[in-house]
Amino acid sequence: MEELTNTEKKTYNFIKKVGEIQTNNISDKHMIGAISKLKNLGLVEVFKKQTSEYRKRKKKFVRIK
Protein backbone atom coordinates (compact mmCIF):
# COMPACT_ATOMS: atom_id res chain seq x y z
CA MET A 1 0.00 0.00 0.00
CA GLU A 2 1.19 3.50 -0.77
CA GLU A 3 2.30 5.83 1.96
CA LEU A 4 -0.57 8.14 2.94
CA THR A 5 -0.14 11.90 3.26
CA ASN A 6 -0.86 13.66 6.55
CA THR A 7 -4.25 14.85 5.28
CA GLU A 8 -5.22 11.33 4.19
CA LYS A 9 -4.16 9.89 7.57
CA LYS A 10 -6.12 12.63 9.35
CA THR A 11 -9.19 11.91 7.23
CA TYR A 12 -8.92 8.13 7.73
CA ASN A 13 -8.54 8.49 11.51
CA PHE A 14 -11.45 10.96 11.68
CA ILE A 15 -13.79 8.62 9.79
CA LYS A 16 -12.58 5.67 11.89
CA LYS A 17 -13.31 7.63 15.08
CA VAL A 18 -16.87 8.70 14.15
CA GLY A 19 -17.76 5.46 12.38
CA GLU A 20 -20.12 6.71 9.69
CA ILE A 21 -20.50 10.32 8.56
CA GLN A 22 -22.44 12.17 5.91
CA THR A 23 -20.06 13.56 3.30
CA ASN A 24 -21.42 17.10 3.44
CA ASN A 25 -20.83 17.18 7.23
CA ILE A 26 -17.06 17.06 6.70
CA SER A 27 -16.02 20.70 6.95
CA ASP A 28 -12.36 20.60 5.86
CA LYS A 29 -12.02 20.81 2.05
CA HIS A 30 -8.71 18.93 2.14
CA MET A 31 -10.38 16.02 3.94
CA ILE A 32 -13.12 15.92 1.30
CA GLY A 33 -10.49 15.70 -1.43
CA ALA A 34 -8.69 12.89 0.39
CA ILE A 35 -11.81 10.71 0.47
CA SER A 36 -11.55 9.91 -3.24
CA LYS A 37 -7.98 8.62 -2.90
CA LEU A 38 -8.88 6.58 0.18
CA LYS A 39 -11.81 5.15 -1.78
CA ASN A 40 -9.54 4.23 -4.71
CA LEU A 41 -7.14 2.50 -2.29
CA GLY A 42 -10.08 0.53 -0.88
CA LEU A 43 -9.79 1.91 2.66
CA VAL A 44 -13.17 3.65 2.81
CA GLU A 45 -16.58 3.00 1.34
CA VAL A 46 -18.92 5.70 0.00
CA PHE A 47 -22.57 4.69 -0.07
CA LYS A 48 -26.04 6.23 -0.24
CA LYS A 49 -28.69 5.78 2.38
CA GLN A 50 -32.13 7.18 3.06
CA THR A 51 -32.06 9.54 6.03
CA SER A 52 -35.80 10.10 6.43
CA GLU A 53 -38.54 7.54 6.20
CA TYR A 54 -40.87 10.14 4.65
CA ARG A 55 -38.62 11.20 1.75
CA LYS A 56 -37.18 9.10 -1.05
CA ARG A 57 -34.04 11.20 -1.31
CA LYS A 58 -30.82 9.42 -0.38
CA LYS A 59 -27.67 11.10 0.92
CA LYS A 60 -24.02 10.05 0.63
CA PHE A 61 -22.19 8.64 3.62
CA VAL A 62 -18.65 7.40 4.11
CA ARG A 63 -17.32 4.69 6.44
CA ILE A 64 -14.26 2.50 6.91
CA LYS A 65 -14.35 -0.84 5.08
PDB file of N, CA and C in Angstrom:
ATOM      1  N   MET A   1       0.841  -1.181   0.000  1.00  0.00           N
ATOM      2  CA  MET A   1       0.000   0.000   0.000  1.00  0.00           C
ATOM      3  C   MET A   1       0.884   1.242   0.000  1.00  0.00           C
ATOM      4  N   GLU A   2       0.436   2.255  -0.704  1.00  0.00           N
ATOM      5  CA  GLU A   2       1.188   3.503  -0.771  1.00  0.00           C
ATOM      6  C   GLU A   2       1.231   4.179   0.596  1.00  0.00           C
ATOM      7  N   GLU A   3       2.213   5.035   0.746  1.00  0.00           N
ATOM      8  CA  GLU A   3       2.302   5.835   1.961  1.00  0.00           C
ATOM      9  C   GLU A   3       1.261   6.947   1.881  1.00  0.00           C
ATOM     10  N   LEU A   4       0.478   7.116   2.919  1.00  0.00           N
ATOM     11  CA  LEU A   4      -0.565   8.138   2.936  1.00  0.00           C
ATOM     12  C   LEU A   4       0.008   9.474   3.376  1.00  0.00           C
ATOM     13  N   THR A   5      -0.541  10.559   2.836  1.00  0.00           N
ATOM     14  CA  THR A   5      -0.139  11.897   3.262  1.00  0.00           C
ATOM     15  C   THR A   5      -0.761  12.195   4.623  1.00  0.00           C
ATOM     16  N   ASN A   6      -0.328  13.291   5.231  1.00  0.00           N
ATOM     17  CA  ASN A   6      -0.858  13.661   6.546  1.00  0.00           C
ATOM     18  C   ASN A   6      -2.361  13.914   6.495  1.00  0.00           C
ATOM     19  N   THR A   7      -2.819  14.572   5.425  1.00  0.00           N
ATOM     20  CA  THR A   7      -4.250  14.849   5.283  1.00  0.00           C
ATOM     21  C   THR A   7      -5.047  13.563   5.136  1.00  0.00           C
ATOM     22  N   GLU A   8      -4.524  12.609   4.376  1.00  0.00           N
ATOM     23  CA  GLU A   8      -5.216  11.333   4.190  1.00  0.00           C
ATOM     24  C   GLU A   8      -5.266  10.544   5.494  1.00  0.00           C
ATOM     25  N   LYS A   9      -4.175  10.565   6.259  1.00  0.00           N
ATOM     26  CA  LYS A   9      -4.163   9.895   7.566  1.00  0.00           C
ATOM     27  C   LYS A   9      -5.166  10.544   8.512  1.00  0.00           C
ATOM     28  N   LYS A  10      -5.192  11.886   8.494  1.00  0.00           N
ATOM     29  CA  LYS A  10      -6.118  12.634   9.345  1.00  0.00           C
ATOM     30  C   LYS A  10      -7.567  12.295   8.987  1.00  0.00           C
ATOM     31  N   THR A  11      -7.850  12.236   7.697  1.00  0.00           N
ATOM     32  CA  THR A  11      -9.193  11.906   7.225  1.00  0.00           C
ATOM     33  C   THR A  11      -9.572  10.488   7.618  1.00  0.00           C
ATOM     34  N   TYR A  12      -8.669   9.540   7.398  1.00  0.00           N
ATOM     35  CA  TYR A  12      -8.922   8.131   7.729  1.00  0.00           C
ATOM     36  C   TYR A  12      -9.190   7.969   9.222  1.00  0.00           C
ATOM     37  N   ASN A  13      -8.364   8.596  10.060  1.00  0.00           N
ATOM     38  CA  ASN A  13      -8.537   8.490  11.513  1.00  0.00           C
ATOM     39  C   ASN A  13      -9.836   9.149  11.974  1.00  0.00           C
ATOM     40  N   PHE A  14     -10.207  10.271  11.331  1.00  0.00           N
ATOM     41  CA  PHE A  14     -11.451  10.957  11.681  1.00  0.00           C
ATOM     42  C   PHE A  14     -12.662  10.078  11.371  1.00  0.00           C
ATOM     43  N   ILE A  15     -12.673   9.481  10.177  1.00  0.00           N
ATOM     44  CA  ILE A  15     -13.790   8.617   9.789  1.00  0.00           C
ATOM     45  C   ILE A  15     -13.832   7.375  10.678  1.00  0.00           C
ATOM     46  N   LYS A  16     -12.661   6.847  11.018  1.00  0.00           N
ATOM     47  CA  LYS A  16     -12.577   5.672  11.894  1.00  0.00           C
ATOM     48  C   LYS A  16     -13.142   5.993  13.281  1.00  0.00           C
ATOM     49  N   LYS A  17     -12.866   7.213  13.757  1.00  0.00           N
ATOM     50  CA  LYS A  17     -13.314   7.630  15.081  1.00  0.00           C
ATOM     51  C   LYS A  17     -14.837   7.801  15.143  1.00  0.00           C
ATOM     52  N   VAL A  18     -15.424   8.440  14.119  1.00  0.00           N
ATOM     53  CA  VAL A  18     -16.869   8.700  14.148  1.00  0.00           C
ATOM     54  C   VAL A  18     -17.686   7.529  13.624  1.00  0.00           C
ATOM     55  N   GLY A  19     -17.066   6.639  12.872  1.00  0.00           N
ATOM     56  CA  GLY A  19     -17.762   5.456  12.376  1.00  0.00           C
ATOM     57  C   GLY A  19     -18.375   5.660  11.012  1.00  0.00           C
ATOM     58  N   GLU A  20     -19.400   6.467  10.941  1.00  0.00           N
ATOM     59  CA  GLU A  20     -20.116   6.709   9.688  1.00  0.00           C
ATOM     60  C   GLU A  20     -20.524   8.174   9.680  1.00  0.00           C
ATOM     61  N   ILE A  21     -20.212   8.889   8.604  1.00  0.00           N
ATOM     62  CA  ILE A  21     -20.501  10.316   8.559  1.00  0.00           C
ATOM     63  C   ILE A  21     -21.011  10.697   7.178  1.00  0.00           C
ATOM     64  N   GLN A  22     -21.925  11.652   7.175  1.00  0.00           N
ATOM     65  CA  GLN A  22     -22.445  12.169   5.914  1.00  0.00           C
ATOM     66  C   GLN A  22     -21.360  13.025   5.270  1.00  0.00           C
ATOM     67  N   THR A  23     -21.180  12.882   3.963  1.00  0.00           N
ATOM     68  CA  THR A  23     -20.063  13.555   3.298  1.00  0.00           C
ATOM     69  C   THR A  23     -20.151  15.069   3.386  1.00  0.00           C
ATOM     70  N   ASN A  24     -21.339  15.644   3.362  1.00  0.00           N
ATOM     71  CA  ASN A  24     -21.419  17.102   3.440  1.00  0.00           C
ATOM     72  C   ASN A  24     -21.254  17.624   4.865  1.00  0.00           C
ATOM     73  N   ASN A  25     -21.113  16.757   5.854  1.00  0.00           N
ATOM     74  CA  ASN A  25     -20.833  17.178   7.226  1.00  0.00           C
ATOM     75  C   ASN A  25     -19.336  17.273   7.508  1.00  0.00           C
ATOM     76  N   ILE A  26     -18.509  16.912   6.548  1.00  0.00           N
ATOM     77  CA  ILE A  26     -17.064  17.058   6.700  1.00  0.00           C
ATOM     78  C   ILE A  26     -16.711  18.475   6.274  1.00  0.00           C
ATOM     79  N   SER A  27     -16.197  19.267   7.210  1.00  0.00           N
ATOM     80  CA  SER A  27     -16.021  20.698   6.951  1.00  0.00           C
ATOM     81  C   SER A  27     -14.725  21.039   6.227  1.00  0.00           C
ATOM     82  N   ASP A  28     -13.668  20.281   6.440  1.00  0.00           N
ATOM     83  CA  ASP A  28     -12.363  20.596   5.862  1.00  0.00           C
ATOM     84  C   ASP A  28     -12.312  20.159   4.397  1.00  0.00           C
ATOM     85  N   LYS A  29     -12.051  21.102   3.497  1.00  0.00           N
ATOM     86  CA  LYS A  29     -12.024  20.814   2.053  1.00  0.00           C
ATOM     87  C   LYS A  29     -10.917  19.831   1.696  1.00  0.00           C
ATOM     88  N   HIS A  30      -9.804  19.859   2.404  1.00  0.00           N
ATOM     89  CA  HIS A  30      -8.708  18.929   2.139  1.00  0.00           C
ATOM     90  C   HIS A  30      -9.123  17.495   2.484  1.00  0.00           C
ATOM     91  N   MET A  31      -9.904  17.351   3.554  1.00  0.00           N
ATOM     92  CA  MET A  31     -10.375  16.022   3.938  1.00  0.00           C
ATOM     93  C   MET A  31     -11.349  15.476   2.900  1.00  0.00           C
ATOM     94  N   ILE A  32     -12.175  16.347   2.339  1.00  0.00           N
ATOM     95  CA  ILE A  32     -13.120  15.919   1.302  1.00  0.00           C
ATOM     96  C   ILE A  32     -12.366  15.420   0.081  1.00  0.00           C
ATOM     97  N   GLY A  33     -11.293  16.112  -0.283  1.00  0.00           N
ATOM     98  CA  GLY A  33     -10.487  15.698  -1.426  1.00  0.00           C
ATOM     99  C   GLY A  33      -9.764  14.388  -1.185  1.00  0.00           C
ATOM    100  N   ALA A  34      -9.417  14.115   0.062  1.00  0.00           N
ATOM    101  CA  ALA A  34      -8.685  12.888   0.388  1.00  0.00           C
ATOM    102  C   ALA A  34      -9.583  11.655   0.359  1.00  0.00           C
ATOM    103  N   ILE A  35     -10.886  11.849   0.461  1.00  0.00           N
ATOM    104  CA  ILE A  35     -11.814  10.714   0.473  1.00  0.00           C
ATOM    105  C   ILE A  35     -11.728   9.925  -0.822  1.00  0.00           C
ATOM    106  N   SER A  36     -11.593  10.622  -1.961  1.00  0.00           N
ATOM    107  CA  SER A  36     -11.552   9.910  -3.244  1.00  0.00           C
ATOM    108  C   SER A  36     -10.323   9.014  -3.351  1.00  0.00           C
ATOM    109  N   LYS A  37      -9.172   9.467  -2.850  1.00  0.00           N
ATOM    110  CA  LYS A  37      -7.975   8.625  -2.897  1.00  0.00           C
ATOM    111  C   LYS A  37      -8.112   7.433  -1.950  1.00  0.00           C
ATOM    112  N   LEU A  38      -8.659   7.674  -0.769  1.00  0.00           N
ATOM    113  CA  LEU A  38      -8.876   6.579   0.180  1.00  0.00           C
ATOM    114  C   LEU A  38      -9.863   5.564  -0.389  1.00  0.00           C
ATOM    115  N   LYS A  39     -10.847   6.052  -1.133  1.00  0.00           N
ATOM    116  CA  LYS A  39     -11.808   5.154  -1.780  1.00  0.00           C
ATOM    117  C   LYS A  39     -11.118   4.322  -2.854  1.00  0.00           C
ATOM    118  N   ASN A  40     -10.254   4.951  -3.654  1.00  0.00           N
ATOM    119  CA  ASN A  40      -9.537   4.230  -4.707  1.00  0.00           C
ATOM    120  C   ASN A  40      -8.579   3.191  -4.134  1.00  0.00           C
ATOM    121  N   LEU A  41      -8.025   3.461  -2.952  1.00  0.00           N
ATOM    122  CA  LEU A  41      -7.143   2.501  -2.293  1.00  0.00           C
ATOM    123  C   LEU A  41      -7.930   1.380  -1.610  1.00  0.00           C
ATOM    124  N   GLY A  42      -9.239   1.553  -1.495  1.00  0.00           N
ATOM    125  CA  GLY A  42     -10.075   0.526  -0.877  1.00  0.00           C
ATOM    126  C   GLY A  42     -10.143   0.616   0.635  1.00  0.00           C
ATOM    127  N   LEU A  43      -9.783   1.759   1.201  1.00  0.00           N
ATOM    128  CA  LEU A  43      -9.788   1.907   2.655  1.00  0.00           C
ATOM    129  C   LEU A  43     -11.132   2.380   3.195  1.00  0.00           C
ATOM    130  N   VAL A  44     -11.858   3.159   2.391  1.00  0.00           N
ATOM    131  CA  VAL A  44     -13.167   3.649   2.811  1.00  0.00           C
ATOM    132  C   VAL A  44     -14.215   3.270   1.777  1.00  0.00           C
ATOM    133  N   GLU A  45     -15.455   3.339   2.200  1.00  0.00           N
ATOM    134  CA  GLU A  45     -16.580   3.000   1.341  1.00  0.00           C
ATOM    135  C   GLU A  45     -17.547   4.182   1.334  1.00  0.00           C
ATOM    136  N   VAL A  46     -17.928   4.641   0.146  1.00  0.00           N
ATOM    137  CA  VAL A  46     -18.921   5.700  -0.002  1.00  0.00           C
ATOM    138  C   VAL A  46     -20.215   5.035  -0.457  1.00  0.00           C
ATOM    139  N   PHE A  47     -21.290   5.321   0.250  1.00  0.00           N
ATOM    140  CA  PHE A  47     -22.569   4.694  -0.069  1.00  0.00           C
ATOM    141  C   PHE A  47     -23.697   5.690   0.156  1.00  0.00           C
ATOM    142  N   LYS A  48     -24.863   5.388  -0.410  1.00  0.00           N
ATOM    143  CA  LYS A  48     -26.037   6.231  -0.243  1.00  0.00           C
ATOM    144  C   LYS A  48     -27.027   5.538   0.676  1.00  0.00           C
ATOM    145  N   LYS A  49     -27.668   6.348   1.516  1.00  0.00           N
ATOM    146  CA  LYS A  49     -28.691   5.778   2.383  1.00  0.00           C
ATOM    147  C   LYS A  49     -29.779   6.811   2.619  1.00  0.00           C
ATOM    148  N   GLN A  50     -30.976   6.319   2.824  1.00  0.00           N
ATOM    149  CA  GLN A  50     -32.126   7.177   3.057  1.00  0.00           C
ATOM    150  C   GLN A  50     -32.080   7.670   4.496  1.00  0.00           C
ATOM    151  N   THR A  51     -32.178   8.989   4.691  1.00  0.00           N
ATOM    152  CA  THR A  51     -32.064   9.544   6.034  1.00  0.00           C
ATOM    153  C   THR A  51     -33.421   9.768   6.694  1.00  0.00           C
ATOM    154  N   SER A  52     -34.465   9.881   5.893  1.00  0.00           N
ATOM    155  CA  SER A  52     -35.800  10.097   6.430  1.00  0.00           C
ATOM    156  C   SER A  52     -36.749   9.051   5.859  1.00  0.00           C
ATOM    157  N   GLU A  53     -37.609   8.554   6.689  1.00  0.00           N
ATOM    158  CA  GLU A  53     -38.541   7.541   6.202  1.00  0.00           C
ATOM    159  C   GLU A  53     -39.661   8.151   5.363  1.00  0.00           C
ATOM    160  N   TYR A  54     -39.792   9.481   5.383  1.00  0.00           N
ATOM    161  CA  TYR A  54     -40.866  10.145   4.651  1.00  0.00           C
ATOM    162  C   TYR A  54     -40.430  10.680   3.296  1.00  0.00           C
ATOM    163  N   ARG A  55     -39.128  10.703   3.022  1.00  0.00           N
ATOM    164  CA  ARG A  55     -38.616  11.199   1.747  1.00  0.00           C
ATOM    165  C   ARG A  55     -37.843  10.099   1.053  1.00  0.00           C
ATOM    166  N   LYS A  56     -37.903  10.109  -0.277  1.00  0.00           N
ATOM    167  CA  LYS A  56     -37.181   9.097  -1.046  1.00  0.00           C
ATOM    168  C   LYS A  56     -35.728   9.479  -1.281  1.00  0.00           C
ATOM    169  N   ARG A  57     -35.387  10.723  -1.042  1.00  0.00           N
ATOM    170  CA  ARG A  57     -34.036  11.197  -1.315  1.00  0.00           C
ATOM    171  C   ARG A  57     -33.011  10.461  -0.459  1.00  0.00           C
ATOM    172  N   LYS A  58     -31.907  10.091  -1.095  1.00  0.00           N
ATOM    173  CA  LYS A  58     -30.817   9.423  -0.385  1.00  0.00           C
ATOM    174  C   LYS A  58     -29.621  10.361  -0.325  1.00  0.00           C
ATOM    175  N   LYS A  59     -28.854  10.263   0.740  1.00  0.00           N
ATOM    176  CA  LYS A  59     -27.669  11.099   0.916  1.00  0.00           C
ATOM    177  C   LYS A  59     -26.433  10.221   1.001  1.00  0.00           C
ATOM    178  N   LYS A  60     -25.278  10.800   0.638  1.00  0.00           N
ATOM    179  CA  LYS A  60     -24.025  10.048   0.631  1.00  0.00           C
ATOM    180  C   LYS A  60     -23.398  10.027   2.018  1.00  0.00           C
ATOM    181  N   PHE A  61     -22.905   8.851   2.370  1.00  0.00           N
ATOM    182  CA  PHE A  61     -22.193   8.643   3.621  1.00  0.00           C
ATOM    183  C   PHE A  61     -20.869   7.961   3.314  1.00  0.00           C
ATOM    184  N   VAL A  62     -19.944   8.055   4.253  1.00  0.00           N
ATOM    185  CA  VAL A  62     -18.651   7.396   4.110  1.00  0.00           C
ATOM    186  C   VAL A  62     -18.340   6.660   5.410  1.00  0.00           C
ATOM    187  N   ARG A  63     -17.723   5.480   5.273  1.00  0.00           N
ATOM    188  CA  ARG A  63     -17.316   4.690   6.443  1.00  0.00           C
ATOM    189  C   ARG A  63     -16.097   3.855   6.076  1.00  0.00           C
ATOM    190  N   ILE A  64     -15.428   3.348   7.095  1.00  0.00           N
ATOM    191  CA  ILE A  64     -14.256   2.502   6.912  1.00  0.00           C
ATOM    192  C   ILE A  64     -14.722   1.116   6.481  1.00  0.00           C
ATOM    193  N   LYS A  65     -14.011   0.523   5.526  1.00  0.00           N
ATOM    194  CA  LYS A  65     -14.353  -0.842   5.079  1.00  0.00           C
ATOM    195  C   LYS A  65     -13.917  -1.857   6.102  1.00  0.00           C
TER     196      LYS A  65
END
